[in-house]
Every structure is written in C-alpha cells, then in structure tokens.
Amino acid sequence: MNRRNRLLPAALALATATALLVSSCSSSGSEDDHDSADGSQSTSPTATAPSTPGTGTPGTPSGTGTSSAPGTPSGTTAPGTPPGTTPPGTTTPPAGARWQPTPGLAWQWQLGGTVDQSVDVPVYDIDGFENDASVVAALHAKGRKVICYINAGSWEDFRPDSAAFAKSLQGSDTGWKGEKWFDIRKLDQLKPLMAARFDMCRSKGFDAIEPDTIEAYNQNSGFPLTPDDQLAYNRMLAQLAHERGMAIGLKNDLDQIPALLPDFDFAVNEECSQFDECDRVSPFIKAGKAVFHVEYKLDTDQFCAKTKALGFSSMQKKLDLNAWRKPC
C-alpha cells in the first residue's frame, strides 16, 4: 500500500497499532478477525495465519505477525507463453474490449486471509499470487469482476518469483518487511518480469491489475529517480495490461494523475480524506472512471458524505486489509 510510504519506517509499527486500535473502537462493533467482512459477527471467521519465514501479506508491516492465508501460488506466466512476451499475433485490444469500471461501483479489497466470497459487491480486489484460478472463477460465477493485486514497484522476498529480480534492481528498504524499492529506470530488465506477472493474472482469469508502490520517485528509494522515470514506468505497466486485454488502476501517485489519466482505467486511493487530497483524484470521476477508495483511521461518518458526493467507491478498512469492511 503506497500510503505506508508516507510514514517513516521507524514509525510503521506504531502507526499500524494505532490504526488497529482505532478500528477496534469503532461504533460498528467488534472488528477483530472474527468479524465478517461487513462488520457483523460471523460464525465462520476469516483466519489470519501467523507469519512464517518467507511468507507474508503484501502491505503488512514488519512486526504485525500476520500473513495472508496460504493460497496456491501458480506459475508467473500463462501456459505456453515465454516470460515477458505477448502471445504471437496479439495486439493491444481497443479500450472497449476490456473492462471499464465506472464511478460508484461498490468493491471489496482483501489481501489478507482466505477470500471471503460472501460480500455482495460487483468488484473484488485480491492478491494475484495467493489466489488461484478457482477463486477468480468462483467470483466470476457470482457476477463479480476481479482485480489482481501485484506489487509492481518493490521487490518482496516472499514471492515465488523473487529470485528473478537481480540485486542491481533492488534499492533501499521500503520500511516493510522483506521489501526493497525497484530501480524503475531499468525498463529493459523490469518489463519482462512485470509482463510475466501480468501473464499470471491473465492466465488466472483476472479482469484488471492493481499495481502497487508505483510512486518511487518521491520516496527514499536509493536511486536518483525523477518524475519522468516514474511516468515512463507507469505507462509501461499500463501498456502491458492493455496488451493483455486487462484494465489497470493508478495506485495513489496523485501528482501524476493529470499526465497518467489517459493511460489508466480507474484509480485506487488510500486515505485521500485523511490527507485532504480527494479533489486531486476526482479527474478520474470526471473522465467516467471509477475511484476505489479506502480510509484506515477515519470512521465512515468522517469521510463518506464528501467522497460519495465526489462519486467515489469508498469504505473503511483495517490496515492489514483482511475481510472486514465498513462501506459508505
């Protein structure tokens, strides 16, 4: 989650604990891991497995002791497709051929724990590695569109393809366990690796991509990255998704929304209300594109009125992004 990069690494554990404490005091009732996705007590809780070496939930800070429930990671390329290539004869499909999420669509964002498929919303955003094709197919059978969460901006030591990323691509720690910033200037090396991940998403049947940590240029990445470096990298990601017939969302990166709006099909935003930035994301709505938005520290009565008026698809979530949600 890019919001984490606003925090100094030394403050991450404290920020996480604070966010969870605030959630536990919410008027929606108990919000521990025995809650259902919509905040009501569940008879079949969503378990969060303890972390083990080499595993973890994307977006879970070091020391939280949580990880995504074991999934069935599959290969990173579509069957019969060499890593980093588009199948022969494939050209970029026209925009109308891929899913175009429109403003106001309700959604569920769950990166931690076994996916709770009972949430009655038209859009799910789930981890691409930790969920196999059967999960995507089951959600499709319920009429859901499914977004594939992929970390596109930083190396994670617990991913099955981690060894494919050369040491020279890895920069400073992001402040989260087992993660290092990518040198996004090296497009020739990162493009085939990202293409392989996107091929995995496509082979599992996902409709869209949510690439995380794609604003390294304004972070302490360990590399002298410029805004132009980030624009080139993010546009490369958009092209890879569109070549595969999938939509792609711009994750945060508010400063570059005016430049990247034509390249991305929707936005994913964390805490624009907390930081009084939601108006900066509204160009997506004006272009007829969805804004999938969450707040962690604010309760719904503190942001829903404004974000609903803007046309956002908003909800409150826990920082570890388990099944619990409190929608507007």
Protein backbone atom coordinates (compact mmCIF):
# COMPACT_ATOMS: atom_id res chain seq x y z
CA MET A 1 0.00 0.00 0.00
CA ASN A 2 1.53 3.27 -1.02
CA ARG A 3 0.03 5.09 1.95
CA ARG A 4 2.58 3.30 4.09
CA ASN A 5 5.32 5.26 2.33
CA ARG A 6 4.14 8.47 3.93
CA LEU A 7 5.35 7.06 7.25
CA LEU A 8 8.92 6.94 8.45
CA PRO A 9 9.98 3.30 8.75
CA ALA A 10 10.59 3.61 12.49
CA ALA A 11 7.01 4.72 13.00
CA LEU A 12 5.37 1.96 10.97
CA ALA A 13 4.64 -0.46 13.78
CA LEU A 14 3.20 2.32 15.93
CA ALA A 15 1.06 3.59 13.06
CA THR A 16 -0.28 0.11 12.42
CA ALA A 17 -1.08 -0.47 16.07
CA THR A 18 -2.83 2.89 16.24
CA ALA A 19 -4.91 2.15 13.15
CA LEU A 20 -5.99 -1.20 14.53
CA LEU A 21 -6.82 0.33 17.93
CA VAL A 22 -8.98 2.98 16.30
CA SER A 23 -10.77 0.31 14.28
CA SER A 24 -11.40 -1.77 17.39
CA CYS A 25 -13.19 1.17 18.97
CA SER A 26 -15.48 1.77 16.01
CA SER A 27 -19.20 2.04 16.57
CA SER A 28 -19.70 -0.79 14.09
CA GLY A 29 -18.95 -3.29 16.84
CA SER A 30 -16.11 -5.76 17.35
CA GLU A 31 -13.66 -5.69 14.49
CA ASP A 32 -11.22 -8.41 15.35
CA ASP A 33 -10.51 -11.25 12.95
CA HIS A 34 -13.75 -12.95 13.97
CA ASP A 35 -15.81 -10.24 12.28
CA SER A 36 -17.48 -10.79 8.96
CA ALA A 37 -16.50 -8.65 6.02
CA ASP A 38 -19.21 -6.10 6.71
CA GLY A 39 -18.55 -5.72 10.41
CA SER A 40 -21.14 -8.15 11.78
CA GLN A 41 -20.24 -11.14 13.93
CA SER A 42 -19.52 -14.17 11.79
CA THR A 43 -19.99 -17.83 12.59
CA SER A 44 -17.16 -18.74 10.24
CA PRO A 45 -14.31 -16.32 10.97
CA THR A 46 -11.70 -15.33 8.46
CA ALA A 47 -8.48 -16.58 9.97
CA THR A 48 -5.17 -14.77 9.64
CA ALA A 49 -2.28 -17.17 9.81
CA PRO A 50 0.80 -16.30 11.84
CA SER A 51 3.71 -15.15 9.75
CA THR A 52 6.40 -17.59 8.83
CA PRO A 53 9.76 -17.00 7.23
CA GLY A 54 9.41 -16.33 3.54
CA THR A 55 5.70 -15.55 3.62
CA GLY A 56 3.59 -12.53 4.31
CA THR A 57 0.69 -10.34 3.36
CA PRO A 58 1.50 -7.60 0.88
CA GLY A 59 1.01 -4.36 2.75
CA THR A 60 1.64 -5.92 6.17
CA PRO A 61 4.38 -4.12 8.12
CA SER A 62 7.22 -5.89 9.84
CA GLY A 63 6.23 -7.00 13.30
CA THR A 64 2.48 -7.27 12.78
CA GLY A 65 2.62 -11.05 12.94
CA THR A 66 0.07 -11.54 10.18
CA SER A 67 0.23 -13.01 6.75
CA SER A 68 -2.13 -13.93 4.01
CA ALA A 69 -3.72 -17.32 4.34
CA PRO A 70 -1.86 -19.89 2.29
CA GLY A 71 -3.04 -19.87 -1.27
CA THR A 72 -1.93 -21.94 -4.17
CA PRO A 73 0.59 -19.79 -5.99
CA SER A 74 0.81 -20.76 -9.62
CA GLY A 75 3.44 -20.01 -12.19
CA THR A 76 4.09 -16.48 -13.26
CA THR A 77 3.40 -16.99 -16.95
CA ALA A 78 0.43 -18.07 -18.95
CA PRO A 79 0.72 -21.63 -20.24
CA GLY A 80 2.77 -21.70 -23.43
CA THR A 81 3.81 -18.06 -23.14
CA PRO A 82 7.51 -17.28 -22.64
CA PRO A 83 8.09 -14.90 -19.73
CA GLY A 84 7.78 -11.26 -20.69
CA THR A 85 6.23 -11.80 -24.09
CA THR A 86 2.87 -11.13 -25.63
CA PRO A 87 1.46 -14.20 -27.45
CA PRO A 88 2.18 -14.11 -31.20
CA GLY A 89 -0.36 -12.15 -33.18
CA THR A 90 -1.61 -10.28 -30.11
CA THR A 91 -2.12 -6.54 -30.42
CA THR A 92 -3.45 -4.07 -27.91
CA PRO A 93 -7.25 -4.55 -27.82
CA PRO A 94 -9.37 -1.44 -28.20
CA ALA A 95 -10.43 0.17 -24.92
CA GLY A 96 -14.00 -1.07 -25.36
CA ALA A 97 -12.81 -4.69 -25.39
CA ARG A 98 -11.61 -4.58 -21.79
CA TRP A 99 -13.50 -3.92 -18.59
CA GLN A 100 -14.09 -0.24 -17.91
CA PRO A 101 -15.07 0.22 -14.24
CA THR A 102 -17.43 3.18 -13.86
CA PRO A 103 -17.87 5.54 -10.91
CA GLY A 104 -19.88 4.31 -7.94
CA LEU A 105 -19.19 0.58 -8.16
CA ALA A 106 -19.05 -0.98 -4.69
CA TRP A 107 -15.95 -3.06 -4.03
CA GLN A 108 -14.13 -5.34 -1.65
CA TRP A 109 -10.37 -5.14 -1.16
CA GLN A 110 -8.93 -8.15 0.64
CA LEU A 111 -5.24 -9.02 0.66
CA GLY A 112 -5.12 -10.87 4.00
CA GLY A 113 -6.73 -14.18 4.83
CA THR A 114 -8.81 -16.59 2.77
CA VAL A 115 -11.02 -14.51 0.47
CA ASP A 116 -14.50 -14.05 1.90
CA GLN A 117 -16.63 -14.52 -1.20
CA SER A 118 -19.90 -13.67 0.53
CA VAL A 119 -19.60 -9.88 0.18
CA ASP A 120 -22.34 -8.76 -2.20
CA VAL A 121 -20.41 -6.25 -4.31
CA PRO A 122 -19.65 -6.23 -8.04
CA VAL A 123 -15.86 -5.78 -7.69
CA TYR A 124 -13.21 -7.70 -5.73
CA ASP A 125 -9.53 -6.73 -5.48
CA ILE A 126 -7.41 -9.68 -4.26
CA ASP A 127 -3.79 -10.84 -4.24
CA GLY A 128 -2.72 -12.24 -7.60
CA PHE A 129 -0.13 -14.67 -6.26
CA GLU A 130 -2.04 -16.04 -3.30
CA ASN A 131 -5.28 -16.83 -5.10
CA ASP A 132 -5.56 -19.40 -7.85
CA ALA A 133 -7.84 -19.52 -10.88
CA SER A 134 -10.58 -21.34 -8.96
CA VAL A 135 -11.09 -18.33 -6.67
CA VAL A 136 -11.38 -15.99 -9.64
CA ALA A 137 -13.77 -18.39 -11.39
CA ALA A 138 -15.93 -18.67 -8.28
CA LEU A 139 -16.19 -14.90 -8.02
CA HIS A 140 -17.00 -14.65 -11.73
CA ALA A 141 -19.76 -17.20 -11.21
CA LYS A 142 -21.26 -14.79 -8.68
CA GLY A 143 -21.15 -11.99 -11.24
CA ARG A 144 -18.07 -10.25 -9.81
CA LYS A 145 -15.23 -8.55 -11.65
CA VAL A 146 -11.85 -9.37 -10.09
CA ILE A 147 -8.76 -7.15 -9.84
CA CYS A 148 -5.29 -8.71 -9.49
CA TYR A 149 -3.13 -7.06 -6.82
CA ILE A 150 0.55 -7.11 -7.82
CA ASN A 151 3.46 -5.23 -6.27
CA ALA A 152 4.99 -3.55 -9.32
CA GLY A 153 7.34 -1.10 -7.62
CA SER A 154 9.24 -3.03 -4.98
CA TRP A 155 10.86 -6.42 -4.55
CA GLU A 156 9.30 -8.78 -2.00
CA ASP A 157 11.39 -11.64 -0.68
CA PHE A 158 8.37 -13.90 -0.06
CA ARG A 159 7.11 -14.01 -3.66
CA PRO A 160 7.72 -17.22 -5.65
CA ASP A 161 9.49 -15.26 -8.41
CA SER A 162 11.72 -13.21 -6.09
CA ALA A 163 14.92 -14.86 -7.36
CA ALA A 164 14.24 -13.50 -10.86
CA PHE A 165 14.95 -9.92 -9.73
CA ALA A 166 18.67 -9.11 -9.84
CA LYS A 167 20.29 -7.46 -6.83
CA SER A 168 21.05 -4.44 -9.00
CA LEU A 169 17.29 -3.82 -9.31
CA GLN A 170 16.84 -3.65 -5.53
CA GLY A 171 17.34 -0.37 -3.68
CA SER A 172 16.52 0.86 -0.20
CA ASP A 173 14.12 -0.86 2.15
CA THR A 174 10.59 0.39 1.83
CA GLY A 175 10.19 0.14 5.60
CA TRP A 176 8.11 -3.01 5.28
CA LYS A 177 9.46 -6.47 5.96
CA GLY A 178 11.23 -8.10 3.05
CA GLU A 179 10.68 -5.24 0.57
CA LYS A 180 13.12 -3.09 -1.41
CA TRP A 181 12.41 -0.41 -3.99
CA PHE A 182 12.97 -1.22 -7.66
CA ASP A 183 15.24 0.81 -9.89
CA ILE A 184 12.42 1.67 -12.26
CA ARG A 185 14.85 3.27 -14.74
CA LYS A 186 15.83 -0.24 -15.85
CA LEU A 187 12.80 -0.81 -18.05
CA ASP A 188 14.57 -3.41 -20.18
CA GLN A 189 15.01 -5.66 -17.13
CA LEU A 190 11.74 -4.96 -15.32
CA LYS A 191 9.42 -5.07 -18.32
CA PRO A 192 9.69 -8.84 -18.94
CA LEU A 193 9.41 -9.55 -15.22
CA MET A 194 6.26 -7.44 -14.89
CA ALA A 195 4.91 -8.96 -18.11
CA ALA A 196 5.32 -12.41 -16.57
CA ARG A 197 3.34 -11.32 -13.51
CA PHE A 198 0.62 -9.82 -15.68
CA ASP A 199 0.53 -13.04 -17.71
CA MET A 200 -0.08 -14.90 -14.46
CA CYS A 201 -3.02 -12.60 -13.68
CA ARG A 202 -4.45 -13.12 -17.15
CA SER A 203 -4.00 -16.89 -17.04
CA LYS A 204 -5.99 -16.99 -13.79
CA GLY A 205 -8.83 -15.06 -15.38
CA PHE A 206 -8.47 -11.67 -13.66
CA ASP A 207 -10.17 -8.69 -15.28
CA ALA A 208 -7.77 -5.96 -14.17
CA ILE A 209 -4.47 -5.15 -12.47
CA GLU A 210 -3.79 -3.11 -9.33
CA PRO A 211 -0.04 -2.36 -9.41
CA ASP A 212 1.24 -1.27 -6.01
CA THR A 213 4.12 1.04 -4.99
CA ILE A 214 4.27 2.96 -8.26
CA GLU A 215 5.45 6.34 -6.97
CA ALA A 216 9.05 5.55 -6.05
CA TYR A 217 10.30 8.84 -7.47
CA ASN A 218 9.11 10.73 -4.37
CA GLN A 219 10.40 8.15 -1.88
CA ASN A 220 13.83 7.32 -0.46
CA SER A 221 14.31 4.56 -2.99
CA GLY A 222 18.11 4.52 -3.04
CA PHE A 223 18.08 5.64 -6.68
CA PRO A 224 18.06 9.14 -8.22
CA LEU A 225 14.61 8.71 -9.76
CA THR A 226 12.81 11.55 -11.50
CA PRO A 227 9.11 12.17 -12.20
CA ASP A 228 9.81 11.34 -15.86
CA ASP A 229 11.26 7.97 -14.81
CA GLN A 230 8.03 7.22 -12.98
CA LEU A 231 5.84 8.32 -15.87
CA ALA A 232 7.73 6.05 -18.25
CA TYR A 233 7.49 3.11 -15.87
CA ASN A 234 3.81 3.56 -15.08
CA ARG A 235 2.94 3.92 -18.76
CA MET A 236 4.87 0.74 -19.47
CA LEU A 237 2.73 -1.06 -16.88
CA ALA A 238 -0.45 0.30 -18.44
CA GLN A 239 0.65 -0.85 -21.87
CA LEU A 240 1.40 -4.37 -20.58
CA ALA A 241 -2.06 -4.63 -19.03
CA HIS A 242 -3.84 -3.30 -22.09
CA GLU A 243 -1.94 -5.64 -24.42
CA ARG A 244 -3.40 -8.48 -22.37
CA GLY A 245 -6.94 -7.14 -22.52
CA MET A 246 -6.99 -6.13 -18.86
CA ALA A 247 -7.84 -2.83 -17.23
CA ILE A 248 -5.31 -1.23 -14.89
CA GLY A 249 -5.66 1.15 -11.95
CA LEU A 250 -3.42 4.03 -10.91
CA LYS A 251 -2.49 3.47 -7.26
CA ASN A 252 -2.18 6.81 -5.45
CA ASP A 253 0.56 8.85 -7.30
CA LEU A 254 -1.58 11.96 -7.04
CA ASP A 255 0.94 14.37 -8.54
CA GLN A 256 0.93 12.49 -11.83
CA ILE A 257 -2.80 11.99 -12.24
CA PRO A 258 -3.13 14.76 -14.87
CA ALA A 259 -0.43 13.13 -17.01
CA LEU A 260 -1.47 9.50 -16.47
CA LEU A 261 -5.25 9.80 -16.59
CA PRO A 262 -5.45 8.78 -20.28
CA ASP A 263 -3.31 5.67 -19.63
CA PHE A 264 -5.22 4.21 -16.67
CA ASP A 265 -8.76 2.84 -16.46
CA PHE A 266 -9.51 3.54 -12.79
CA ALA A 267 -7.84 4.76 -9.61
CA VAL A 268 -7.12 3.08 -6.27
CA ASN A 269 -6.63 5.55 -3.47
CA GLU A 270 -5.72 5.27 0.18
CA GLU A 271 -6.58 7.98 2.71
CA CYS A 272 -7.22 10.95 0.44
CA SER A 273 -9.74 12.17 3.01
CA GLN A 274 -7.29 11.81 5.89
CA PHE A 275 -4.81 13.98 3.98
CA ASP A 276 -7.43 16.28 2.40
CA GLU A 277 -6.49 15.22 -1.13
CA CYS A 278 -9.68 13.72 -2.59
CA ASP A 279 -10.29 16.59 -5.00
CA ARG A 280 -7.00 15.68 -6.68
CA VAL A 281 -8.35 12.23 -7.56
CA SER A 282 -11.67 13.49 -8.92
CA PRO A 283 -10.39 13.84 -12.55
CA PHE A 284 -10.94 10.08 -12.83
CA ILE A 285 -14.61 10.52 -11.99
CA LYS A 286 -14.96 13.38 -14.47
CA ALA A 287 -13.49 11.05 -17.12
CA GLY A 288 -16.09 8.39 -16.28
CA LYS A 289 -13.58 6.15 -14.48
CA ALA A 290 -14.05 4.58 -11.04
CA VAL A 291 -12.15 5.67 -7.94
CA PHE A 292 -11.84 2.79 -5.47
CA HIS A 293 -11.05 4.49 -2.17
CA VAL A 294 -10.35 3.44 1.44
CA GLU A 295 -9.67 5.15 4.74
CA TYR A 296 -8.00 3.43 7.69
CA LYS A 297 -8.02 5.90 10.57
CA LEU A 298 -11.23 7.81 9.83
CA ASP A 299 -14.66 6.38 10.52
CA THR A 300 -17.22 6.46 7.74
CA ASP A 301 -19.11 9.42 9.24
CA GLN A 302 -15.92 11.46 8.81
CA PHE A 303 -15.49 10.98 5.06
CA CYS A 304 -18.44 9.27 3.34
CA ALA A 305 -20.53 12.39 2.74
CA LYS A 306 -17.77 14.08 0.77
CA THR A 307 -16.44 11.09 -1.11
CA LYS A 308 -19.91 9.87 -2.11
CA ALA A 309 -20.66 13.37 -3.40
CA LEU A 310 -17.48 13.12 -5.49
CA GLY A 311 -18.63 9.78 -6.89
CA PHE A 312 -16.01 7.62 -5.18
CA SER A 313 -16.44 3.97 -4.23
CA SER A 314 -15.45 4.40 -0.59
CA MET A 315 -15.14 2.25 2.51
CA GLN A 316 -13.26 1.97 5.77
CA LYS A 317 -10.76 -0.89 6.04
CA LYS A 318 -8.23 -2.20 8.53
CA LEU A 319 -4.61 -1.56 7.65
CA ASP A 320 -3.91 -5.28 7.17
CA LEU A 321 -6.69 -5.45 4.57
CA ASN A 322 -8.40 -8.57 5.83
CA ALA A 323 -12.06 -9.29 5.04
CA TRP A 324 -13.55 -6.67 7.34
CA ARG A 325 -15.03 -3.64 5.62
CA LYS A 326 -17.36 -0.77 6.51
CA PRO A 327 -18.69 0.71 3.28
CA CYS A 328 -20.19 4.13 2.78
